[in-house]
Structure formats: structure tokens, C-alpha cells
C-alpha atoms as a PDB file:
ATOM      1  CA  MET A   1      83.030 162.036 119.673  1.00  0.00           C
ATOM      2  CA  LYS A   2      83.808 159.375 117.064  1.00  0.00           C
ATOM      3  CA  ILE A   3      85.995 156.685 118.585  1.00  0.00           C
ATOM      4  CA  ALA A   4      87.430 153.460 117.175  1.00  0.00           C
ATOM      5  CA  ILE A   5      88.200 150.574 119.491  1.00  0.00           C
ATOM      6  CA  GLY A   6      90.011 147.337 118.834  1.00  0.00           C
ATOM      7  CA  SER A   7      91.262 144.384 120.793  1.00  0.00           C
ATOM      8  CA  ASP A   8      92.626 140.943 120.317  1.00  0.00           C
ATOM      9  CA  SER A   9      91.193 137.870 122.023  1.00  0.00           C
ATOM     10  CA  SER A  10      92.822 138.686 125.381  1.00  0.00           C
ATOM     11  CA  GLY A  11      91.081 142.049 125.539  1.00  0.00           C
ATOM     12  CA  ILE A  12      87.608 141.191 124.248  1.00  0.00           C
ATOM     13  CA  GLU A  13      85.807 141.211 127.598  1.00  0.00           C
ATOM     14  CA  LEU A  14      87.350 144.520 128.651  1.00  0.00           C
ATOM     15  CA  LYS A  15      86.705 145.960 125.185  1.00  0.00           C
ATOM     16  CA  ASP A  16      83.017 145.153 125.468  1.00  0.00           C
ATOM     17  CA  ILE A  17      82.867 146.917 128.850  1.00  0.00           C
ATOM     18  CA  VAL A  18      84.632 150.010 127.487  1.00  0.00           C
ATOM     19  CA  VAL A  19      82.368 150.058 124.401  1.00  0.00           C
ATOM     20  CA  ALA A  20      79.275 149.995 126.638  1.00  0.00           C
ATOM     21  CA  HIS A  21      80.772 152.789 128.763  1.00  0.00           C
ATOM     22  CA  LEU A  22      81.479 154.919 125.675  1.00  0.00           C
ATOM     23  CA  LEU A  23      78.015 154.361 124.236  1.00  0.00           C
ATOM     24  CA  ASP A  24      76.433 155.275 127.587  1.00  0.00           C
ATOM     25  CA  ALA A  25      78.412 158.525 127.467  1.00  0.00           C
ATOM     26  CA  GLY A  26      76.970 159.307 124.026  1.00  0.00           C
ATOM     27  CA  HIS A  27      80.012 158.586 121.870  1.00  0.00           C
ATOM     28  CA  ASP A  28      79.856 157.155 118.356  1.00  0.00           C
ATOM     29  CA  VAL A  29      81.882 153.922 118.586  1.00  0.00           C
ATOM     30  CA  THR A  30      83.355 151.875 115.749  1.00  0.00           C
ATOM     31  CA  ASP A  31      84.376 148.458 117.073  1.00  0.00           C
ATOM     32  CA  VAL A  32      86.948 146.776 114.848  1.00  0.00           C
ATOM     33  CA  GLY A  33      88.179 144.312 117.473  1.00  0.00           C
ATOM     34  CA  TRP A  34      87.711 140.603 117.662  1.00  0.00           C
ATOM     35  CA  ASP A  35      84.068 139.740 118.269  1.00  0.00           C
ATOM     36  CA  GLY A  36      84.584 136.260 119.694  1.00  0.00           C
ATOM     37  CA  THR A  37      83.624 134.453 116.503  1.00  0.00           C
ATOM     38  CA  GLY A  38      85.954 132.991 113.956  1.00  0.00           C
ATOM     39  CA  GLU A  39      89.671 132.927 114.445  1.00  0.00           C
ATOM     40  CA  ALA A  40      91.219 135.840 116.301  1.00  0.00           C
ATOM     41  CA  GLU A  41      94.061 137.699 114.645  1.00  0.00           C
ATOM     42  CA  TYR A  42      97.203 138.983 116.316  1.00  0.00           C
ATOM     43  CA  SER A  43      96.811 142.351 118.032  1.00  0.00           C
ATOM     44  CA  ALA A  44      98.750 144.111 115.247  1.00  0.00           C
ATOM     45  CA  HIS A  45      95.832 143.606 112.852  1.00  0.00           C
ATOM     46  CA  TYR A  46      93.412 145.408 115.158  1.00  0.00           C
ATOM     47  CA  ALA A  47      95.932 148.168 115.870  1.00  0.00           C
ATOM     48  CA  ARG A  48      96.330 148.798 112.169  1.00  0.00           C
ATOM     49  CA  LYS A  49      92.556 148.979 111.644  1.00  0.00           C
ATOM     50  CA  VAL A  50      92.123 151.590 114.388  1.00  0.00           C
ATOM     51  CA  ALA A  51      95.189 153.557 113.252  1.00  0.00           C
ATOM     52  CA  HIS A  52      93.921 153.684 109.671  1.00  0.00           C
ATOM     53  CA  LEU A  53      90.519 154.954 110.813  1.00  0.00           C
ATOM     54  CA  ILE A  54      92.325 157.774 112.639  1.00  0.00           C
ATOM     55  CA  ARG A  55      94.700 158.476 109.759  1.00  0.00           C
ATOM     56  CA  ASP A  56      91.823 158.576 107.276  1.00  0.00           C
ATOM     57  CA  GLU A  57      89.891 160.884 109.637  1.00  0.00           C
ATOM     58  CA  ASP A  58      86.926 158.518 109.938  1.00  0.00           C
ATOM     59  CA  VAL A  59      87.225 158.785 113.744  1.00  0.00           C
ATOM     60  CA  GLU A  60      88.827 161.269 116.132  1.00  0.00           C
ATOM     61  CA  ARG A  61      90.419 158.978 118.728  1.00  0.00           C
ATOM     62  CA  GLY A  62      91.200 155.330 119.316  1.00  0.00           C
ATOM     63  CA  VAL A  63      91.366 152.810 122.137  1.00  0.00           C
ATOM     64  CA  LEU A  64      93.323 149.562 121.849  1.00  0.00           C
ATOM     65  CA  ILE A  65      93.366 146.612 124.235  1.00  0.00           C
ATOM     66  CA  CYS A  66      95.518 143.499 124.340  1.00  0.00           C
ATOM     67  CA  GLY A  67      97.024 141.591 127.263  1.00  0.00           C
ATOM     68  CA  THR A  68      99.469 144.319 128.289  1.00  0.00           C
ATOM     69  CA  GLY A  69      98.777 147.138 125.830  1.00  0.00           C
ATOM     70  CA  ILE A  70     102.388 147.046 124.690  1.00  0.00           C
ATOM     71  CA  GLY A  71     102.276 145.028 121.474  1.00  0.00           C
ATOM     72  CA  ILE A  72      99.106 146.650 120.214  1.00  0.00           C
ATOM     73  CA  SER A  73     100.458 150.171 120.835  1.00  0.00           C
ATOM     74  CA  ILE A  74     103.785 149.423 119.153  1.00  0.00           C
ATOM     75  CA  SER A  75     101.857 148.141 116.142  1.00  0.00           C
ATOM     76  CA  ALA A  76      99.673 151.267 115.957  1.00  0.00           C
ATOM     77  CA  ASN A  77     102.770 153.467 116.126  1.00  0.00           C
ATOM     78  CA  LYS A  78     104.069 151.853 112.929  1.00  0.00           C
ATOM     79  CA  VAL A  79     101.341 153.656 110.969  1.00  0.00           C
ATOM     80  CA  ARG A  80     102.753 156.964 109.771  1.00  0.00           C
ATOM     81  CA  GLY A  81     101.457 159.929 111.745  1.00  0.00           C
ATOM     82  CA  ILE A  82      99.964 157.860 114.546  1.00  0.00           C
ATOM     83  CA  ARG A  83     100.817 158.387 118.193  1.00  0.00           C
ATOM     84  CA  ALA A  84      99.676 155.644 120.529  1.00  0.00           C
ATOM     85  CA  ALA A  85     100.593 155.396 124.198  1.00  0.00           C
ATOM     86  CA  VAL A  86     100.182 152.645 126.769  1.00  0.00           C
ATOM     87  CA  CYS A  87      98.413 154.028 129.837  1.00  0.00           C
ATOM     88  CA  SER A  88      97.738 152.190 133.077  1.00  0.00           C
ATOM     89  CA  GLU A  89      96.150 155.120 134.926  1.00  0.00           C
ATOM     90  CA  PRO A  90      94.324 158.359 134.061  1.00  0.00           C
ATOM     91  CA  TYR A  91      97.210 160.790 134.630  1.00  0.00           C
ATOM     92  CA  THR A  92      99.324 159.496 131.739  1.00  0.00           C
ATOM     93  CA  ALA A  93      96.232 159.134 129.539  1.00  0.00           C
ATOM     94  CA  GLN A  94      95.461 162.825 129.990  1.00  0.00           C
ATOM     95  CA  HIS A  95      99.053 163.906 129.505  1.00  0.00           C
ATOM     96  CA  THR A  96      99.754 161.821 126.426  1.00  0.00           C
ATOM     97  CA  ARG A  97      96.953 163.727 124.712  1.00  0.00           C
ATOM     98  CA  GLU A  98      97.773 167.164 126.142  1.00  0.00           C
ATOM     99  CA  HIS A  99     101.558 167.014 125.721  1.00  0.00           C
ATOM    100  CA  ASN A 100     102.127 164.656 122.787  1.00  0.00           C
ATOM    101  CA  GLY A 101      98.951 164.907 120.734  1.00  0.00           C
ATOM    102  CA  SER A 102      98.396 161.158 120.963  1.00  0.00           C
ATOM    103  CA  GLN A 103      95.341 159.961 119.099  1.00  0.00           C
ATOM    104  CA  ILE A 104      95.258 156.454 120.564  1.00  0.00           C
ATOM    105  CA  ILE A 105      95.572 154.990 124.025  1.00  0.00           C
ATOM    106  CA  ALA A 106      96.240 151.362 124.773  1.00  0.00           C
ATOM    107  CA  PHE A 107      95.996 149.342 127.931  1.00  0.00           C
ATOM    108  CA  GLY A 108      96.244 145.752 128.984  1.00  0.00           C
ATOM    109  CA  ALA A 109      93.368 143.558 130.067  1.00  0.00           C
ATOM    110  CA  PHE A 110      95.843 141.691 132.289  1.00  0.00           C
ATOM    111  CA  VAL A 111      96.974 144.999 133.841  1.00  0.00           C
ATOM    112  CA  VAL A 112      93.905 147.168 134.480  1.00  0.00           C
ATOM    113  CA  GLY A 113      90.391 146.300 135.579  1.00  0.00           C
ATOM    114  CA  PRO A 114      87.126 147.581 134.134  1.00  0.00           C
ATOM    115  CA  GLN A 115      86.770 150.657 136.357  1.00  0.00           C
ATOM    116  CA  MET A 116      90.337 151.752 135.722  1.00  0.00           C
ATOM    117  CA  ALA A 117      89.974 151.128 131.970  1.00  0.00           C
ATOM    118  CA  CYS A 118      86.934 153.404 131.871  1.00  0.00           C
ATOM    119  CA  ALA A 119      88.704 156.067 133.963  1.00  0.00           C
ATOM    120  CA  ILE A 120      91.744 155.950 131.657  1.00  0.00           C
ATOM    121  CA  THR A 121      89.506 156.277 128.611  1.00  0.00           C
ATOM    122  CA  ASP A 122      87.559 159.193 130.110  1.00  0.00           C
ATOM    123  CA  ALA A 123      90.753 161.061 131.008  1.00  0.00           C
ATOM    124  CA  PHE A 124      92.107 160.607 127.489  1.00  0.00           C
ATOM    125  CA  LEU A 125      88.894 161.665 125.772  1.00  0.00           C
ATOM    126  CA  GLY A 126      88.498 164.665 128.067  1.00  0.00           C
ATOM    127  CA  ALA A 127      91.925 166.052 127.207  1.00  0.00           C
ATOM    128  CA  GLU A 128      93.003 168.185 124.258  1.00  0.00           C
ATOM    129  CA  PHE A 129      96.431 168.865 122.797  1.00  0.00           C
ATOM    130  CA  LYS A 130      97.772 172.000 124.502  1.00  0.00           C
ATOM    131  CA  GLY A 131      99.964 173.279 121.680  1.00  0.00           C
ATOM    132  CA  GLY A 132     102.351 176.042 122.741  1.00  0.00           C
ATOM    133  CA  ILE A 133     105.600 174.601 124.060  1.00  0.00           C
ATOM    134  CA  PHE A 134     104.252 171.120 123.381  1.00  0.00           C
ATOM    135  CA  ALA A 135     103.873 171.929 119.669  1.00  0.00           C
ATOM    136  CA  GLU A 136     107.673 172.088 119.452  1.00  0.00           C
ATOM    137  CA  ARG A 137     107.879 168.538 120.858  1.00  0.00           C
ATOM    138  CA  PHE A 138     105.103 167.407 118.520  1.00  0.00           C
ATOM    139  CA  ASN A 139     106.947 168.858 115.511  1.00  0.00           C
ATOM    140  CA  LEU A 140     110.239 167.302 116.589  1.00  0.00           C
ATOM    141  CA  ILE A 141     108.651 163.855 116.766  1.00  0.00           C
ATOM    142  CA  ALA A 142     107.085 164.399 113.325  1.00  0.00           C
ATOM    143  CA  ALA A 143     110.463 165.487 111.921  1.00  0.00           C
ATOM    144  CA  ILE A 144     112.131 162.341 113.264  1.00  0.00           C
ATOM    145  CA  GLU A 145     109.410 160.261 111.625  1.00  0.00           C
ATOM    146  CA  ASP A 146     109.919 162.074 108.293  1.00  0.00           C
ATOM    147  CA  GLU A 147     113.717 161.717 108.461  1.00  0.00           C
ATOM    148  CA  GLU A 148     113.518 158.014 109.246  1.00  0.00           C
ATOM    149  CA  LEU A 149     111.096 157.458 106.387  1.00  0.00           C
ATOM    150  CA  ALA A 150     113.373 159.309 103.978  1.00  0.00           C
ATOM    151  CA  ALA A 151     116.406 157.350 105.193  1.00  0.00           C
ATOM    152  CA  SER A 152     114.606 154.029 104.728  1.00  0.00           C
ATOM    153  CA  ARG A 153     113.879 154.914 101.110  1.00  0.00           C
ATOM    154  CA  GLY A 154     117.561 155.504 100.487  1.00  0.00           C
END
């Protein structure tokens, strides 16, 4: 699977562990996170990069890491059509994909350790959107997004 991963400076060590885990599992990984050189940007920059790779269909899924996972996921969700969810354990990672069609998971390097981060990622990547009754929810969320966009344009 093609996966994009990004992190700010607080998530770089965990990002590198998750990248190695994904590569070991045979995934094609695009790392757009901070590499430890130069000046780190705010997490929103990395979230946008991953979200755009998903939106443009260059990758299938995304993983984002910052201190808590909150700021980076909120930033990703600002990109039209993107659904990112903060997950601190595998159950929600699986269900955000199955029930909401999320394309991106986020977690915090200050919240989860390496083993949990890899378990969260595996659960997310192993899940597929279920459709059916969940398609109605998916469509409702998309409709809200469309209505809010239209309202903002006046």
C-alpha cells in the first residue's frame, strides 16, 4: 500500500520507527515529515503535505504524528475531502476507517509509545470502509462540508 507519513519535530523519532515498521511490512512509504535538518515547521505544514498526497491520489492512506496528534489532525481535516482521526489505540484506528472512511490517522509521540504506534497503524491499514449504513454517515459528513464551503463563499 502507498502511505504518506509526516511529523513535526516532536514526532520525528516515533515517525522514523513507524516508517521502518511500514517498510518492513512491504509498504511504499512517502515521508514528508521533518528530517531533523534545517528548521522544523509547525505540524500544520506536514499535515497539509500528507493530506494533499491523499487528495491528489498519490498515496492511499496517511499517518501523522505530533506531540498529541490533535493539532496535526485538525490541520489535515481543513483540506477538503480529508478525514483524519486521532487514535491512541487500535480499536478506534480500525473503526475510523471502517465507519467513517478516514484516510489519515494521527497520534501523539507524547501519548503513545513505539509498539502502540505500530499497532495503531496496522489496525488502520488493515481496515476498509464498510459502506452500507456507514455510507449514509459518510455522505452526511460530505454534505456538511459542501454546505459549509458554499456558505463561506456567500
